[in-house]
All heavy atoms as atom14 arrays in JSON, in Angstrom:
{
  "sequence": "VFVLEYYLDTLWKGALLFVVCLFLVSFGVVSQVQKQATWGFP",
  "atom14_mask": [
    [1, 1, 1, 1, 1, 1, 1, 0, 0, 0, 0, 0, 0, 0],
    [1, 1, 1, 1, 1, 1, 1, 1, 1, 1, 1, 0, 0, 0],
    [1, 1, 1, 1, 1, 1, 1, 0, 0, 0, 0, 0, 0, 0],
    [1, 1, 1, 1, 1, 1, 1, 1, 0, 0, 0, 0, 0, 0],
    [1, 1, 1, 1, 1, 1, 1, 1, 1, 0, 0, 0, 0, 0],
    [1, 1, 1, 1, 1, 1, 1, 1, 1, 1, 1, 1, 0, 0],
    [1, 1, 1, 1, 1, 1, 1, 1, 1, 1, 1, 1, 0, 0],
    [1, 1, 1, 1, 1, 1, 1, 1, 0, 0, 0, 0, 0, 0],
    [1, 1, 1, 1, 1, 1, 1, 1, 0, 0, 0, 0, 0, 0],
    [1, 1, 1, 1, 1, 1, 1, 0, 0, 0, 0, 0, 0, 0],
    [1, 1, 1, 1, 1, 1, 1, 1, 0, 0, 0, 0, 0, 0],
    [1, 1, 1, 1, 1, 1, 1, 1, 1, 1, 1, 1, 1, 1],
    [1, 1, 1, 1, 1, 1, 1, 1, 1, 0, 0, 0, 0, 0],
    [1, 1, 1, 1, 0, 0, 0, 0, 0, 0, 0, 0, 0, 0],
    [1, 1, 1, 1, 1, 0, 0, 0, 0, 0, 0, 0, 0, 0],
    [1, 1, 1, 1, 1, 1, 1, 1, 0, 0, 0, 0, 0, 0],
    [1, 1, 1, 1, 1, 1, 1, 1, 0, 0, 0, 0, 0, 0],
    [1, 1, 1, 1, 1, 1, 1, 1, 1, 1, 1, 0, 0, 0],
    [1, 1, 1, 1, 1, 1, 1, 0, 0, 0, 0, 0, 0, 0],
    [1, 1, 1, 1, 1, 1, 1, 0, 0, 0, 0, 0, 0, 0],
    [1, 1, 1, 1, 1, 1, 0, 0, 0, 0, 0, 0, 0, 0],
    [1, 1, 1, 1, 1, 1, 1, 1, 0, 0, 0, 0, 0, 0],
    [1, 1, 1, 1, 1, 1, 1, 1, 1, 1, 1, 0, 0, 0],
    [1, 1, 1, 1, 1, 1, 1, 1, 0, 0, 0, 0, 0, 0],
    [1, 1, 1, 1, 1, 1, 1, 0, 0, 0, 0, 0, 0, 0],
    [1, 1, 1, 1, 1, 1, 0, 0, 0, 0, 0, 0, 0, 0],
    [1, 1, 1, 1, 1, 1, 1, 1, 1, 1, 1, 0, 0, 0],
    [1, 1, 1, 1, 0, 0, 0, 0, 0, 0, 0, 0, 0, 0],
    [1, 1, 1, 1, 1, 1, 1, 0, 0, 0, 0, 0, 0, 0],
    [1, 1, 1, 1, 1, 1, 1, 0, 0, 0, 0, 0, 0, 0],
    [1, 1, 1, 1, 1, 1, 0, 0, 0, 0, 0, 0, 0, 0],
    [1, 1, 1, 1, 1, 1, 1, 1, 1, 0, 0, 0, 0, 0],
    [1, 1, 1, 1, 1, 1, 1, 0, 0, 0, 0, 0, 0, 0],
    [1, 1, 1, 1, 1, 1, 1, 1, 1, 0, 0, 0, 0, 0],
    [1, 1, 1, 1, 1, 1, 1, 1, 1, 0, 0, 0, 0, 0],
    [1, 1, 1, 1, 1, 1, 1, 1, 1, 0, 0, 0, 0, 0],
    [1, 1, 1, 1, 1, 0, 0, 0, 0, 0, 0, 0, 0, 0],
    [1, 1, 1, 1, 1, 1, 1, 0, 0, 0, 0, 0, 0, 0],
    [1, 1, 1, 1, 1, 1, 1, 1, 1, 1, 1, 1, 1, 1],
    [1, 1, 1, 1, 0, 0, 0, 0, 0, 0, 0, 0, 0, 0],
    [1, 1, 1, 1, 1, 1, 1, 1, 1, 1, 1, 0, 0, 0],
    [1, 1, 1, 1, 1, 1, 1, 0, 0, 0, 0, 0, 0, 0]
  ],
  "atom14_positions": [
    [[-64.03, -39.23, 120.87], [-62.92, -38.42, 121.16], [-62.63, -37.57, 119.92], [-62.35, -38.09, 118.84], [-61.66, -39.17, 121.57], [-60.5, -38.18, 121.81], [-61.89, -39.99, 122.76], [0.0, 0.0, 0.0], [0.0, 0.0, 0.0], [0.0, 0.0, 0.0], [0.0, 0.0, 0.0], [0.0, 0.0, 0.0], [0.0, 0.0, 0.0], [0.0, 0.0, 0.0]],
    [[-62.8, -36.26, 120.01], [-62.58, -35.33, 118.86], [-61.42, -34.37, 119.12], [-61.35, -33.83, 120.27], [-63.85, -34.52, 118.6], [-65.08, -35.39, 118.38], [-66.01, -35.57, 119.39], [-65.29, -36.0, 117.2], [-67.12, -36.36, 119.24], [-66.4, -36.81, 116.98], [-67.34, -37.05, 118.03], [0.0, 0.0, 0.0], [0.0, 0.0, 0.0], [0.0, 0.0, 0.0]],
    [[-60.56, -34.17, 118.15], [-59.34, -33.36, 118.36], [-59.27, -32.3, 117.31], [-59.57, -32.47, 116.13], [-58.06, -34.29, 118.23], [-56.81, -33.41, 118.41], [-58.13, -35.39, 119.2], [0.0, 0.0, 0.0], [0.0, 0.0, 0.0], [0.0, 0.0, 0.0], [0.0, 0.0, 0.0], [0.0, 0.0, 0.0], [0.0, 0.0, 0.0], [0.0, 0.0, 0.0]],
    [[-59.0, -31.11, 117.76], [-58.7, -29.93, 116.92], [-57.38, -29.36, 117.16], [-57.13, -28.89, 118.33], [-59.83, -28.89, 117.14], [-59.65, -27.52, 116.45], [-59.55, -27.69, 114.97], [-60.78, -26.56, 116.9], [0.0, 0.0, 0.0], [0.0, 0.0, 0.0], [0.0, 0.0, 0.0], [0.0, 0.0, 0.0], [0.0, 0.0, 0.0], [0.0, 0.0, 0.0]],
    [[-56.48, -29.36, 116.24], [-55.24, -28.7, 116.33], [-55.2, -27.59, 115.29], [-55.55, -27.69, 114.17], [-54.09, -29.67, 116.0], [-53.9, -30.73, 117.06], [-52.64, -31.62, 116.85], [-52.04, -31.43, 115.72], [-52.32, -32.45, 117.72], [0.0, 0.0, 0.0], [0.0, 0.0, 0.0], [0.0, 0.0, 0.0], [0.0, 0.0, 0.0], [0.0, 0.0, 0.0]],
    [[-54.74, -26.4, 115.77], [-54.78, -25.25, 114.92], [-53.74, -24.13, 115.35], [-53.21, -24.18, 116.44], [-56.16, -24.6, 114.96], [-56.56, -24.03, 116.31], [-56.45, -22.69, 116.61], [-57.07, -24.84, 117.31], [-56.81, -22.16, 117.8], [-57.46, -24.36, 118.55], [-57.32, -22.97, 118.76], [-57.69, -22.5, 120.01], [0.0, 0.0, 0.0], [0.0, 0.0, 0.0]],
    [[-53.49, -23.24, 114.43], [-52.76, -22.07, 114.66], [-53.65, -20.82, 114.58], [-54.52, -20.8, 113.67], [-51.61, -21.87, 113.69], [-50.48, -22.97, 113.91], [-50.49, -24.09, 113.1], [-49.5, -22.78, 114.83], [-49.45, -25.02, 113.29], [-48.5, -23.73, 115.02], [-48.52, -24.85, 114.25], [-47.52, -25.78, 114.34], [0.0, 0.0, 0.0], [0.0, 0.0, 0.0]],
    [[-53.49, -19.83, 115.33], [-54.3, -18.64, 115.24], [-54.11, -17.93, 113.89], [-52.96, -17.9, 113.34], [-54.0, -17.68, 116.4], [-54.37, -18.19, 117.83], [-53.94, -17.11, 118.84], [-55.9, -18.45, 117.91], [0.0, 0.0, 0.0], [0.0, 0.0, 0.0], [0.0, 0.0, 0.0], [0.0, 0.0, 0.0], [0.0, 0.0, 0.0], [0.0, 0.0, 0.0]],
    [[-55.17, -17.36, 113.36], [-55.02, -16.65, 112.1], [-54.23, -15.38, 112.23], [-53.8, -14.71, 111.2], [-56.43, -16.35, 111.49], [-57.26, -15.5, 112.37], [-56.83, -15.24, 113.5], [-58.38, -15.12, 111.94], [0.0, 0.0, 0.0], [0.0, 0.0, 0.0], [0.0, 0.0, 0.0], [0.0, 0.0, 0.0], [0.0, 0.0, 0.0], [0.0, 0.0, 0.0]],
    [[-53.95, -14.94, 113.48], [-53.12, -13.76, 113.66], [-51.65, -14.06, 113.24], [-50.93, -13.08, 113.08], [-53.13, -13.27, 115.16], [-52.93, -14.48, 115.99], [-54.51, -12.7, 115.48], [0.0, 0.0, 0.0], [0.0, 0.0, 0.0], [0.0, 0.0, 0.0], [0.0, 0.0, 0.0], [0.0, 0.0, 0.0], [0.0, 0.0, 0.0], [0.0, 0.0, 0.0]],
    [[-51.32, -15.31, 113.0], [-49.98, -15.63, 112.54], [-49.68, -15.04, 111.16], [-48.68, -14.41, 110.96], [-49.87, -17.21, 112.54], [-48.5, -17.7, 111.99], [-47.36, -17.23, 112.83], [-48.48, -19.22, 111.93], [0.0, 0.0, 0.0], [0.0, 0.0, 0.0], [0.0, 0.0, 0.0], [0.0, 0.0, 0.0], [0.0, 0.0, 0.0], [0.0, 0.0, 0.0]],
    [[-50.68, -15.3, 110.18], [-50.43, -14.71, 108.91], [-50.64, -13.21, 108.82], [-50.07, -12.48, 108.11], [-51.29, -15.43, 107.83], [-52.8, -15.12, 107.89], [-53.76, -15.86, 108.51], [-53.45, -14.02, 107.21], [-54.99, -15.24, 108.35], [-54.82, -14.11, 107.56], [-52.97, -12.91, 106.44], [-55.73, -13.18, 107.05], [-53.95, -12.06, 105.97], [-55.28, -12.12, 106.34]],
    [[-51.57, -12.75, 109.76], [-51.82, -11.31, 109.75], [-50.56, -10.55, 110.32], [-50.16, -9.49, 109.73], [-52.99, -11.02, 110.64], [-54.35, -11.5, 110.1], [-55.5, -11.34, 110.98], [-56.74, -11.93, 110.47], [-57.97, -11.8, 111.45], [0.0, 0.0, 0.0], [0.0, 0.0, 0.0], [0.0, 0.0, 0.0], [0.0, 0.0, 0.0], [0.0, 0.0, 0.0]],
    [[-49.93, -11.06, 111.34], [-48.69, -10.46, 111.82], [-47.58, -10.54, 110.78], [-46.82, -9.58, 110.64], [0.0, 0.0, 0.0], [0.0, 0.0, 0.0], [0.0, 0.0, 0.0], [0.0, 0.0, 0.0], [0.0, 0.0, 0.0], [0.0, 0.0, 0.0], [0.0, 0.0, 0.0], [0.0, 0.0, 0.0], [0.0, 0.0, 0.0], [0.0, 0.0, 0.0]],
    [[-47.47, -11.69, 110.08], [-46.45, -11.84, 109.1], [-46.66, -10.84, 107.97], [-45.73, -10.22, 107.41], [-46.48, -13.25, 108.52], [0.0, 0.0, 0.0], [0.0, 0.0, 0.0], [0.0, 0.0, 0.0], [0.0, 0.0, 0.0], [0.0, 0.0, 0.0], [0.0, 0.0, 0.0], [0.0, 0.0, 0.0], [0.0, 0.0, 0.0], [0.0, 0.0, 0.0]],
    [[-47.91, -10.67, 107.56], [-48.25, -9.71, 106.46], [-47.87, -8.24, 106.9], [-47.28, -7.5, 106.12], [-49.74, -9.78, 106.1], [-50.19, -8.86, 105.04], [-49.48, -9.15, 103.7], [-51.69, -8.97, 104.82], [0.0, 0.0, 0.0], [0.0, 0.0, 0.0], [0.0, 0.0, 0.0], [0.0, 0.0, 0.0], [0.0, 0.0, 0.0], [0.0, 0.0, 0.0]],
    [[-48.22, -7.93, 108.1], [-47.87, -6.54, 108.64], [-46.36, -6.38, 108.64], [-45.87, -5.28, 108.21], [-48.48, -6.33, 110.01], [-48.15, -5.02, 110.73], [-48.73, -3.87, 109.91], [-48.77, -5.02, 112.15], [0.0, 0.0, 0.0], [0.0, 0.0, 0.0], [0.0, 0.0, 0.0], [0.0, 0.0, 0.0], [0.0, 0.0, 0.0], [0.0, 0.0, 0.0]],
    [[-45.65, -7.37, 109.1], [-44.18, -7.3, 109.17], [-43.6, -7.09, 107.75], [-42.74, -6.24, 107.57], [-43.68, -8.58, 109.79], [-42.13, -8.56, 109.93], [-41.49, -7.84, 110.89], [-41.41, -9.33, 109.01], [-40.07, -7.87, 111.01], [-40.02, -9.3, 109.08], [-39.38, -8.61, 110.1], [0.0, 0.0, 0.0], [0.0, 0.0, 0.0], [0.0, 0.0, 0.0]],
    [[-44.07, -7.88, 106.78], [-43.54, -7.8, 105.49], [-43.8, -6.51, 104.76], [-42.92, -5.93, 104.19], [-44.03, -9.01, 104.58], [-43.67, -8.86, 103.17], [-43.5, -10.37, 105.14], [0.0, 0.0, 0.0], [0.0, 0.0, 0.0], [0.0, 0.0, 0.0], [0.0, 0.0, 0.0], [0.0, 0.0, 0.0], [0.0, 0.0, 0.0], [0.0, 0.0, 0.0]],
    [[-45.01, -6.02, 104.97], [-45.37, -4.73, 104.34], [-44.58, -3.61, 104.94], [-43.99, -2.73, 104.2], [-46.85, -4.48, 104.52], [-47.21, -3.02, 104.12], [-47.7, -5.42, 103.7], [0.0, 0.0, 0.0], [0.0, 0.0, 0.0], [0.0, 0.0, 0.0], [0.0, 0.0, 0.0], [0.0, 0.0, 0.0], [0.0, 0.0, 0.0], [0.0, 0.0, 0.0]],
    [[-44.41, -3.54, 106.26], [-43.65, -2.52, 106.89], [-42.18, -2.59, 106.55], [-41.44, -1.62, 106.41], [-43.9, -2.52, 108.38], [-45.54, -2.12, 108.9], [0.0, 0.0, 0.0], [0.0, 0.0, 0.0], [0.0, 0.0, 0.0], [0.0, 0.0, 0.0], [0.0, 0.0, 0.0], [0.0, 0.0, 0.0], [0.0, 0.0, 0.0], [0.0, 0.0, 0.0]],
    [[-41.68, -3.86, 106.47], [-40.26, -4.05, 106.07], [-40.01, -3.5, 104.66], [-38.98, -2.9, 104.36], [-39.98, -5.52, 106.17], [-38.53, -5.9, 105.72], [-37.5, -5.24, 106.61], [-38.35, -7.4, 105.72], [0.0, 0.0, 0.0], [0.0, 0.0, 0.0], [0.0, 0.0, 0.0], [0.0, 0.0, 0.0], [0.0, 0.0, 0.0], [0.0, 0.0, 0.0]],
    [[-40.95, -3.69, 103.75], [-40.86, -3.17, 102.41], [-40.81, -1.63, 102.43], [-40.03, -1.05, 101.76], [-42.05, -3.72, 101.56], [-42.12, -3.11, 100.25], [-41.33, -3.58, 99.18], [-42.97, -2.04, 99.94], [-41.4, -2.95, 97.88], [-43.04, -1.45, 98.74], [-42.21, -1.91, 97.71], [0.0, 0.0, 0.0], [0.0, 0.0, 0.0], [0.0, 0.0, 0.0]],
    [[-41.66, -1.08, 103.23], [-41.73, 0.42, 103.3], [-40.47, 1.01, 103.87], [-39.99, 2.04, 103.4], [-42.94, 0.86, 104.19], [-44.34, 0.48, 103.62], [-45.42, 0.9, 104.61], [-44.59, 1.07, 102.28], [0.0, 0.0, 0.0], [0.0, 0.0, 0.0], [0.0, 0.0, 0.0], [0.0, 0.0, 0.0], [0.0, 0.0, 0.0], [0.0, 0.0, 0.0]],
    [[-39.93, 0.32, 104.87], [-38.67, 0.79, 105.47], [-37.46, 0.59, 104.47], [-36.61, 1.51, 104.37], [-38.41, 0.11, 106.85], [-37.0, 0.45, 107.32], [-39.45, 0.52, 107.83], [0.0, 0.0, 0.0], [0.0, 0.0, 0.0], [0.0, 0.0, 0.0], [0.0, 0.0, 0.0], [0.0, 0.0, 0.0], [0.0, 0.0, 0.0], [0.0, 0.0, 0.0]],
    [[-37.41, -0.56, 103.87], [-36.32, -0.87, 103.04], [-36.16, -0.01, 101.82], [-35.1, 0.45, 101.38], [-36.36, -2.32, 102.53], [-36.38, -3.23, 103.66], [0.0, 0.0, 0.0], [0.0, 0.0, 0.0], [0.0, 0.0, 0.0], [0.0, 0.0, 0.0], [0.0, 0.0, 0.0], [0.0, 0.0, 0.0], [0.0, 0.0, 0.0], [0.0, 0.0, 0.0]],
    [[-37.31, 0.38, 101.22], [-37.29, 1.18, 100.02], [-37.63, 2.65, 100.33], [-37.73, 3.44, 99.34], [-38.31, 0.57, 98.98], [-37.9, -0.74, 98.46], [-38.34, -1.93, 99.09], [-37.07, -0.85, 97.34], [-37.94, -3.16, 98.63], [-36.66, -2.09, 96.85], [-37.1, -3.23, 97.5], [0.0, 0.0, 0.0], [0.0, 0.0, 0.0], [0.0, 0.0, 0.0]],
    [[-37.78, 2.97, 101.54], [-38.02, 4.39, 101.92], [-39.24, 4.97, 101.31], [-39.23, 6.15, 100.92], [0.0, 0.0, 0.0], [0.0, 0.0, 0.0], [0.0, 0.0, 0.0], [0.0, 0.0, 0.0], [0.0, 0.0, 0.0], [0.0, 0.0, 0.0], [0.0, 0.0, 0.0], [0.0, 0.0, 0.0], [0.0, 0.0, 0.0], [0.0, 0.0, 0.0]],
    [[-40.31, 4.18, 101.16], [-41.53, 4.67, 100.54], [-42.15, 5.8, 101.32], [-42.6, 6.85, 100.81], [-42.53, 3.55, 100.3], [-43.78, 4.0, 99.72], [-41.93, 2.4, 99.44], [0.0, 0.0, 0.0], [0.0, 0.0, 0.0], [0.0, 0.0, 0.0], [0.0, 0.0, 0.0], [0.0, 0.0, 0.0], [0.0, 0.0, 0.0], [0.0, 0.0, 0.0]],
    [[-42.18, 5.75, 102.62], [-42.78, 6.74, 103.44], [-41.71, 7.27, 104.41], [-42.1, 7.6, 105.57], [-44.0, 6.17, 104.2], [-45.14, 5.84, 103.27], [-43.62, 4.91, 105.01], [0.0, 0.0, 0.0], [0.0, 0.0, 0.0], [0.0, 0.0, 0.0], [0.0, 0.0, 0.0], [0.0, 0.0, 0.0], [0.0, 0.0, 0.0], [0.0, 0.0, 0.0]],
    [[-40.5, 7.42, 103.97], [-39.47, 7.93, 104.88], [-39.64, 9.39, 105.18], [-39.2, 9.84, 106.22], [-38.09, 7.66, 104.26], [-38.0, 8.36, 102.99], [0.0, 0.0, 0.0], [0.0, 0.0, 0.0], [0.0, 0.0, 0.0], [0.0, 0.0, 0.0], [0.0, 0.0, 0.0], [0.0, 0.0, 0.0], [0.0, 0.0, 0.0], [0.0, 0.0, 0.0]],
    [[-40.34, 10.11, 104.26], [-40.47, 11.53, 104.51], [-41.74, 12.05, 103.92], [-42.06, 11.73, 102.73], [-39.31, 12.31, 103.94], [-39.24, 13.79, 104.42], [-37.99, 14.49, 103.96], [-37.41, 14.04, 102.98], [-37.59, 15.53, 104.64], [0.0, 0.0, 0.0], [0.0, 0.0, 0.0], [0.0, 0.0, 0.0], [0.0, 0.0, 0.0], [0.0, 0.0, 0.0]],
    [[-42.62, 12.7, 104.67], [-43.83, 13.29, 104.24], [-43.86, 14.73, 104.67], [-43.8, 15.07, 105.83], [-45.09, 12.51, 104.79], [-46.41, 13.22, 104.36], [-45.04, 11.05, 104.37], [0.0, 0.0, 0.0], [0.0, 0.0, 0.0], [0.0, 0.0, 0.0], [0.0, 0.0, 0.0], [0.0, 0.0, 0.0], [0.0, 0.0, 0.0], [0.0, 0.0, 0.0]],
    [[-43.97, 15.63, 103.64], [-43.99, 17.06, 103.94], [-42.73, 17.49, 104.77], [-42.89, 18.14, 105.84], [-45.26, 17.51, 104.59], [-46.49, 17.34, 103.66], [-47.72, 17.81, 104.38], [-47.75, 18.11, 105.51], [-48.84, 17.85, 103.55], [0.0, 0.0, 0.0], [0.0, 0.0, 0.0], [0.0, 0.0, 0.0], [0.0, 0.0, 0.0], [0.0, 0.0, 0.0]],
    [[-41.59, 16.98, 104.41], [-40.31, 17.31, 104.98], [-40.23, 16.84, 106.48], [-39.43, 17.32, 107.25], [-40.02, 18.79, 104.95], [-39.95, 19.32, 103.55], [-39.6, 20.79, 103.49], [-39.49, 21.33, 102.1], [-39.18, 22.81, 102.07], [0.0, 0.0, 0.0], [0.0, 0.0, 0.0], [0.0, 0.0, 0.0], [0.0, 0.0, 0.0], [0.0, 0.0, 0.0]],
    [[-41.09, 15.89, 106.86], [-41.0, 15.25, 108.17], [-40.68, 13.84, 108.09], [-41.32, 13.12, 107.29], [-42.32, 15.52, 108.94], [-42.64, 17.0, 109.25], [-43.9, 17.08, 110.04], [-44.59, 16.16, 110.28], [-44.22, 18.36, 110.46], [0.0, 0.0, 0.0], [0.0, 0.0, 0.0], [0.0, 0.0, 0.0], [0.0, 0.0, 0.0], [0.0, 0.0, 0.0]],
    [[-39.72, 13.31, 108.93], [-39.33, 11.95, 108.86], [-40.49, 11.07, 109.43], [-41.0, 11.31, 110.52], [-38.07, 11.74, 109.69], [0.0, 0.0, 0.0], [0.0, 0.0, 0.0], [0.0, 0.0, 0.0], [0.0, 0.0, 0.0], [0.0, 0.0, 0.0], [0.0, 0.0, 0.0], [0.0, 0.0, 0.0], [0.0, 0.0, 0.0], [0.0, 0.0, 0.0]],
    [[-40.9, 10.11, 108.63], [-42.0, 9.21, 109.03], [-41.59, 7.77, 109.01], [-42.46, 6.91, 109.09], [-43.19, 9.47, 108.12], [-42.79, 9.17, 106.73], [-43.79, 10.82, 108.25], [0.0, 0.0, 0.0], [0.0, 0.0, 0.0], [0.0, 0.0, 0.0], [0.0, 0.0, 0.0], [0.0, 0.0, 0.0], [0.0, 0.0, 0.0], [0.0, 0.0, 0.0]],
    [[-40.29, 7.46, 108.94], [-39.83, 6.08, 108.9], [-40.14, 5.32, 110.22], [-40.2, 4.12, 110.22], [-38.32, 6.03, 108.65], [-37.47, 6.72, 109.73], [-37.09, 7.98, 109.74], [-37.07, 6.06, 110.91], [-36.45, 8.23, 110.89], [-36.41, 7.13, 111.64], [-37.2, 4.81, 111.51], [-35.79, 6.83, 112.86], [-36.57, 4.56, 112.71], [-35.9, 5.58, 113.44]],
    [[-40.42, 6.05, 111.29], [-40.7, 5.43, 112.59], [-42.01, 4.64, 112.56], [-42.16, 3.66, 113.27], [0.0, 0.0, 0.0], [0.0, 0.0, 0.0], [0.0, 0.0, 0.0], [0.0, 0.0, 0.0], [0.0, 0.0, 0.0], [0.0, 0.0, 0.0], [0.0, 0.0, 0.0], [0.0, 0.0, 0.0], [0.0, 0.0, 0.0], [0.0, 0.0, 0.0]],
    [[-43.01, 5.09, 111.78], [-44.3, 4.43, 111.72], [-44.14, 3.0, 111.19], [-44.66, 2.05, 111.78], [-45.26, 5.26, 110.94], [-45.65, 6.57, 111.61], [-45.12, 7.74, 111.17], [-46.49, 6.56, 112.7], [-45.44, 8.96, 111.8], [-46.87, 7.73, 113.35], [-46.33, 8.95, 112.89], [0.0, 0.0, 0.0], [0.0, 0.0, 0.0], [0.0, 0.0, 0.0]],
    [[-43.6, 2.78, 109.98], [-43.46, 1.43, 109.51], [-42.5, 0.6, 110.37], [-42.63, -0.62, 110.47], [-42.83, 1.61, 108.08], [-42.32, 2.97, 108.0], [-43.12, 3.79, 108.99], [0.0, 0.0, 0.0], [0.0, 0.0, 0.0], [0.0, 0.0, 0.0], [0.0, 0.0, 0.0], [0.0, 0.0, 0.0], [0.0, 0.0, 0.0], [0.0, 0.0, 0.0]]
  ]
}
């Protein structure tokens, strides 16, 4: 009897994407590009 318990690696990938985008939104890094609002992307 062999058992494998695991979490998908998309867990850390989703967390990384969330943290990076949260950083961009919080500090307004990409809030405006060429006078166009781009905060919606992050």
